[in-house]
Amino acid sequence: MRGFSIYCCFILLFFLMSDAAIAHGISEEDKLRMLNGGYLQYMGLGASHMLTGYDHLLFLFGVVFFLTSFKDIAKFVTAFTVGHCITLIFATFYQITWNYFLIDAFIALSVIYKGFDNNGGFQKYLDMKSPNLLGAVFLFGLLHGFGLSTRLQQLPLGDDSTGILLRILSFNLGVEIGQIVALMAMVAVLSLWRHKPSFKRFSFASNQALVYAGTLLLLMQLHGYQHDSDPDSFRFPSQEHKHAHEDLEIEQSTDTGRDSL
């Protein structure tokens, strides 16, 4: 089981380091495309952003992992949706923002939390009941919506209040469409797998893989924050870089002169 968990972690690592993971941000192409973008384009961008939002999808996967009835799935997904709609709409409209690397680091913690909770971590290691799941999903929804808002605020939303609000709502609608598509696939796979003997055998390892993936995401986002807040600590400052090239040119010219002798 431990080997399976590590195997899942390697699969997740490959996925997170792929183009799909990089695409989770708002690219320069998207920014340029949205300069004169209509509401349908904002809707499409919202859908694609959710479908490539590996952190959101991992958390949702953890939420629905043990849910078997449509009523329960609808209840928890609604709590998550209401939460992220609130912060996505209001934070964007009122331009409330924060460093998106730090927000995504907290979102990574939500993935860790869900895997830990699914495996009974509160009972096993903290000797306590799990916090109210519906409330936790709603609070994490607020956090995920704030993360989506920081990305949306990178786009040209215009100056007209009505136009800004309609673009935000279009993006939000696209997010919901993408979420429904992703959830349909997750629920279908889990429903089929739940009737197999391997589900019971590997459910612990699968949720442990969520913890590993969340930890990896957390480290990646903290590393990104360090790059963002102090870029010179990870590379030559421009002046030093220039001197390094000048020293290299002098050394090469000296070696050439020696060879000619």
Protein backbone atom coordinates (compact mmCIF):
# COMPACT_ATOMS: atom_id res chain seq x y z
CA MET A 1 0.00 0.00 0.00
CA ARG A 2 2.84 2.35 0.78
CA GLY A 3 4.36 1.58 -2.63
CA PHE A 4 1.06 2.41 -4.30
CA SER A 5 0.91 5.71 -2.42
CA ILE A 6 4.42 6.63 -3.58
CA TYR A 7 3.51 5.58 -7.13
CA CYS A 8 0.47 7.90 -7.02
CA CYS A 9 2.70 10.67 -5.76
CA PHE A 10 5.05 10.28 -8.74
CA ILE A 11 2.08 10.43 -11.12
CA LEU A 12 0.88 13.60 -9.44
CA LEU A 13 4.39 15.04 -9.51
CA PHE A 14 4.58 14.44 -13.27
CA PHE A 15 1.20 16.09 -13.75
CA LEU A 16 2.00 19.08 -11.58
CA MET A 17 5.25 19.73 -13.43
CA SER A 18 3.56 19.43 -16.85
CA ASP A 19 2.21 22.17 -19.09
CA ALA A 20 -1.22 21.71 -17.53
CA ALA A 21 0.15 22.86 -14.19
CA ILE A 22 1.90 25.87 -15.72
CA ALA A 23 -1.30 26.77 -17.57
CA HIS A 24 -3.09 27.30 -14.25
CA GLY A 25 -1.97 30.93 -14.22
CA ILE A 26 -3.18 33.65 -16.58
CA SER A 27 -0.79 33.64 -19.53
CA GLU A 28 0.31 36.70 -21.48
CA GLU A 29 -1.60 35.32 -24.48
CA ASP A 30 -4.80 35.22 -22.41
CA LYS A 31 -4.21 38.77 -21.20
CA LEU A 32 -3.80 40.05 -24.76
CA ARG A 33 -6.77 38.02 -26.00
CA MET A 34 -8.98 39.50 -23.29
CA LEU A 35 -8.17 43.12 -24.16
CA ASN A 36 -11.18 43.12 -26.48
CA GLY A 37 -12.66 39.89 -25.20
CA GLY A 38 -16.42 39.39 -25.03
CA TYR A 39 -18.33 37.77 -22.21
CA LEU A 40 -18.23 34.36 -23.91
CA GLN A 41 -14.44 34.54 -23.97
CA TYR A 42 -14.36 35.26 -20.25
CA MET A 43 -16.71 32.32 -19.72
CA GLY A 44 -14.44 30.05 -21.76
CA LEU A 45 -11.39 31.22 -19.86
CA GLY A 46 -13.13 30.50 -16.55
CA ALA A 47 -14.00 26.97 -17.65
CA SER A 48 -10.48 26.20 -18.91
CA HIS A 49 -8.96 27.74 -15.78
CA MET A 50 -10.98 25.40 -13.55
CA LEU A 51 -10.23 22.36 -15.72
CA THR A 52 -6.49 23.06 -15.44
CA GLY A 53 -6.78 24.11 -11.78
CA TYR A 54 -5.03 21.05 -10.32
CA ASP A 55 -5.24 22.40 -6.74
CA HIS A 56 -9.01 23.00 -6.96
CA LEU A 57 -9.55 19.62 -8.60
CA LEU A 58 -7.48 17.74 -6.02
CA PHE A 59 -9.47 19.33 -3.19
CA LEU A 60 -12.79 18.49 -4.88
CA PHE A 61 -11.59 14.93 -5.46
CA GLY A 62 -10.94 14.63 -1.75
CA VAL A 63 -14.35 16.11 -0.91
CA VAL A 64 -16.34 13.63 -3.03
CA PHE A 65 -14.05 10.63 -2.46
CA PHE A 66 -16.26 8.90 0.13
CA LEU A 67 -19.61 10.48 -0.83
CA THR A 68 -22.02 7.94 -2.29
CA SER A 69 -25.39 9.71 -2.59
CA PHE A 70 -26.34 12.48 -5.00
CA LYS A 71 -27.82 14.43 -2.07
CA ASP A 72 -24.51 14.48 -0.17
CA ILE A 73 -22.49 15.33 -3.27
CA ALA A 74 -24.86 18.20 -4.11
CA LYS A 75 -24.76 19.50 -0.53
CA PHE A 76 -21.00 19.65 -0.21
CA VAL A 77 -20.36 20.87 -3.74
CA THR A 78 -22.95 23.62 -3.21
CA ALA A 79 -21.18 24.73 -0.02
CA PHE A 80 -17.87 24.88 -1.90
CA THR A 81 -19.47 26.68 -4.85
CA VAL A 82 -21.22 29.32 -2.72
CA GLY A 83 -17.94 29.95 -0.89
CA HIS A 84 -15.81 30.47 -3.96
CA CYS A 85 -18.50 32.53 -5.73
CA ILE A 86 -18.60 34.99 -2.82
CA THR A 87 -14.88 35.76 -2.79
CA LEU A 88 -14.41 35.49 -6.56
CA ILE A 89 -17.11 38.07 -7.26
CA PHE A 90 -16.66 40.49 -4.37
CA ALA A 91 -12.86 40.40 -4.08
CA THR A 92 -12.51 41.00 -7.83
CA PHE A 93 -15.14 43.75 -8.02
CA TYR A 94 -13.69 45.63 -5.05
CA GLN A 95 -10.08 44.84 -6.07
CA ILE A 96 -9.18 43.05 -2.85
CA THR A 97 -6.06 41.05 -3.51
CA TRP A 98 -2.94 39.49 -2.00
CA ASN A 99 0.16 37.70 -3.24
CA TYR A 100 -1.24 34.81 -5.28
CA PHE A 101 1.65 32.49 -4.38
CA LEU A 102 0.71 32.77 -0.70
CA ILE A 103 -2.98 32.27 -1.44
CA ASP A 104 -2.15 29.18 -3.50
CA ALA A 105 0.03 27.95 -0.62
CA PHE A 106 -3.03 28.07 1.65
CA ILE A 107 -5.05 26.30 -1.06
CA ALA A 108 -2.36 23.58 -1.03
CA LEU A 109 -2.97 23.26 2.71
CA SER A 110 -6.65 22.60 1.95
CA VAL A 111 -5.60 19.62 -0.20
CA ILE A 112 -3.42 18.32 2.64
CA TYR A 113 -6.30 18.85 5.08
CA LYS A 114 -8.77 16.84 2.99
CA GLY A 115 -6.45 13.88 2.51
CA PHE A 116 -5.56 13.94 6.22
CA ASP A 117 -9.23 14.11 7.22
CA ASN A 118 -10.28 11.37 4.79
CA ASN A 119 -7.75 9.03 6.38
CA GLY A 120 -9.06 9.75 9.89
CA GLY A 121 -6.01 11.80 10.81
CA PHE A 122 -7.82 13.86 13.44
CA GLN A 123 -8.92 10.72 15.28
CA LYS A 124 -5.65 8.80 14.87
CA TYR A 125 -3.08 11.49 15.54
CA LEU A 126 -4.89 14.32 17.35
CA ASP A 127 -7.40 12.24 19.33
CA MET A 128 -10.31 14.49 18.37
CA LYS A 129 -13.33 14.53 16.11
CA SER A 130 -13.00 15.96 12.64
CA PRO A 131 -14.16 19.59 12.35
CA ASN A 132 -17.59 20.05 10.79
CA LEU A 133 -17.01 19.01 7.18
CA LEU A 134 -19.69 21.19 5.62
CA GLY A 135 -18.34 24.28 7.37
CA ALA A 136 -14.76 23.39 6.43
CA VAL A 137 -15.69 22.92 2.77
CA PHE A 138 -17.46 26.31 2.75
CA LEU A 139 -14.46 28.07 4.35
CA PHE A 140 -12.06 26.43 1.92
CA GLY A 141 -14.43 27.50 -0.87
CA LEU A 142 -13.94 31.12 0.22
CA LEU A 143 -10.19 30.57 0.05
CA HIS A 144 -10.29 28.94 -3.38
CA GLY A 145 -12.47 31.77 -4.69
CA PHE A 146 -9.93 34.31 -3.46
CA GLY A 147 -7.26 32.42 -5.39
CA LEU A 148 -9.38 32.55 -8.55
CA SER A 149 -9.94 36.27 -7.96
CA THR A 150 -6.22 37.04 -7.88
CA ARG A 151 -5.89 35.42 -11.31
CA LEU A 152 -8.91 37.23 -12.74
CA GLN A 153 -7.60 40.58 -11.49
CA GLN A 154 -4.59 40.13 -13.78
CA LEU A 155 -6.92 40.62 -16.76
CA PRO A 156 -8.11 43.90 -18.32
CA LEU A 157 -11.62 44.13 -16.88
CA GLY A 158 -12.30 47.68 -18.10
CA ASP A 159 -13.41 50.85 -16.31
CA ASP A 160 -17.20 50.59 -16.53
CA SER A 161 -18.66 49.07 -13.33
CA THR A 162 -21.45 47.23 -15.17
CA GLY A 163 -19.04 45.82 -17.72
CA ILE A 164 -16.61 44.75 -14.99
CA LEU A 165 -19.35 42.95 -13.07
CA LEU A 166 -20.61 41.16 -16.20
CA ARG A 167 -17.07 40.01 -17.05
CA ILE A 168 -16.62 38.71 -13.50
CA LEU A 169 -19.95 36.89 -13.64
CA SER A 170 -19.07 35.43 -17.05
CA PHE A 171 -15.74 34.15 -15.74
CA ASN A 172 -17.49 32.77 -12.65
CA LEU A 173 -20.11 30.99 -14.78
CA GLY A 174 -17.30 29.44 -16.81
CA VAL A 175 -15.66 28.26 -13.59
CA GLU A 176 -18.90 26.56 -12.55
CA ILE A 177 -19.26 24.88 -15.95
CA GLY A 178 -15.68 23.61 -15.73
CA GLN A 179 -16.31 22.40 -12.19
CA ILE A 180 -19.43 20.47 -13.23
CA VAL A 181 -17.55 18.77 -16.07
CA ALA A 182 -14.67 17.81 -13.75
CA LEU A 183 -17.03 16.59 -11.02
CA MET A 184 -19.00 14.42 -13.45
CA ALA A 185 -15.77 12.68 -14.45
CA MET A 186 -14.61 12.29 -10.83
CA VAL A 187 -17.94 10.94 -9.57
CA ALA A 188 -18.21 8.51 -12.51
CA VAL A 189 -14.71 7.13 -11.91
CA LEU A 190 -15.22 6.86 -8.14
CA SER A 191 -18.64 5.20 -8.58
CA LEU A 192 -17.14 2.54 -10.82
CA TRP A 193 -14.07 2.07 -8.65
CA ARG A 194 -16.06 1.92 -5.39
CA HIS A 195 -17.49 -1.48 -6.39
CA LYS A 196 -14.04 -2.96 -6.98
CA PRO A 197 -12.07 -4.73 -4.22
CA SER A 198 -9.13 -2.40 -4.90
CA PHE A 199 -11.10 0.64 -3.67
CA LYS A 200 -11.06 -0.51 -0.06
CA ARG A 201 -7.48 -1.68 -0.41
CA PHE A 202 -6.11 1.53 -1.90
CA SER A 203 -8.41 4.26 -0.54
CA PHE A 204 -5.97 5.05 2.28
CA ALA A 205 -3.04 5.23 -0.13
CA SER A 206 -5.01 7.42 -2.53
CA ASN A 207 -5.77 9.97 0.16
CA GLN A 208 -2.20 9.77 1.41
CA ALA A 209 -1.19 10.69 -2.14
CA LEU A 210 -3.41 13.78 -1.76
CA VAL A 211 -1.38 14.74 1.31
CA TYR A 212 1.87 14.27 -0.63
CA ALA A 213 0.54 16.27 -3.59
CA GLY A 214 -0.64 19.07 -1.29
CA THR A 215 2.76 19.16 0.39
CA LEU A 216 4.48 19.36 -2.99
CA LEU A 217 2.15 22.17 -4.06
CA LEU A 218 2.83 23.99 -0.81
CA LEU A 219 6.60 23.82 -1.35
CA MET A 220 6.24 24.93 -4.98
CA GLN A 221 4.13 27.95 -4.02
CA LEU A 222 6.44 28.98 -1.18
CA HIS A 223 9.37 28.70 -3.58
CA GLY A 224 7.45 30.84 -6.06
CA TYR A 225 6.78 33.40 -3.35
CA GLN A 226 10.50 33.60 -2.58
CA HIS A 227 11.22 34.21 -6.26
CA ASP A 228 8.50 36.84 -6.39
CA SER A 229 9.47 38.71 -3.22
CA ASP A 230 13.27 38.49 -3.55
CA PRO A 231 14.24 37.49 -7.11
CA ASP A 232 17.88 38.51 -6.71
CA SER A 233 18.43 35.84 -4.07
CA PHE A 234 17.97 33.15 -6.78
CA ARG A 235 20.10 34.64 -9.54
CA PHE A 236 22.90 37.10 -10.23
CA PRO A 237 21.80 40.70 -9.73
CA SER A 238 22.01 42.39 -13.14
CA GLN A 239 25.24 44.26 -12.37
CA GLU A 240 26.98 41.15 -11.07
CA HIS A 241 25.73 39.18 -14.07
CA LYS A 242 27.26 41.81 -16.36
CA HIS A 243 30.60 41.61 -14.51
CA ALA A 244 30.56 37.82 -14.76
CA HIS A 245 30.22 38.02 -18.54
CA GLU A 246 33.00 40.62 -18.76
CA ASP A 247 35.33 38.41 -16.68
CA LEU A 248 34.51 35.44 -18.92
CA GLU A 249 35.30 37.43 -22.07
CA ILE A 250 38.66 38.56 -20.59
CA GLU A 251 39.52 34.97 -19.66
CA GLN A 252 38.62 33.71 -23.13
CA SER A 253 40.69 36.42 -24.85
CA THR A 254 43.68 35.59 -22.59
CA ASP A 255 43.42 31.88 -23.46
CA THR A 256 43.25 32.73 -27.18
CA GLY A 257 46.38 34.87 -26.88
CA ARG A 258 48.27 32.06 -25.15
CA ASP A 259 47.24 29.56 -27.82
CA SER A 260 48.52 31.87 -30.60
CA LEU A 261 51.91 32.00 -28.88
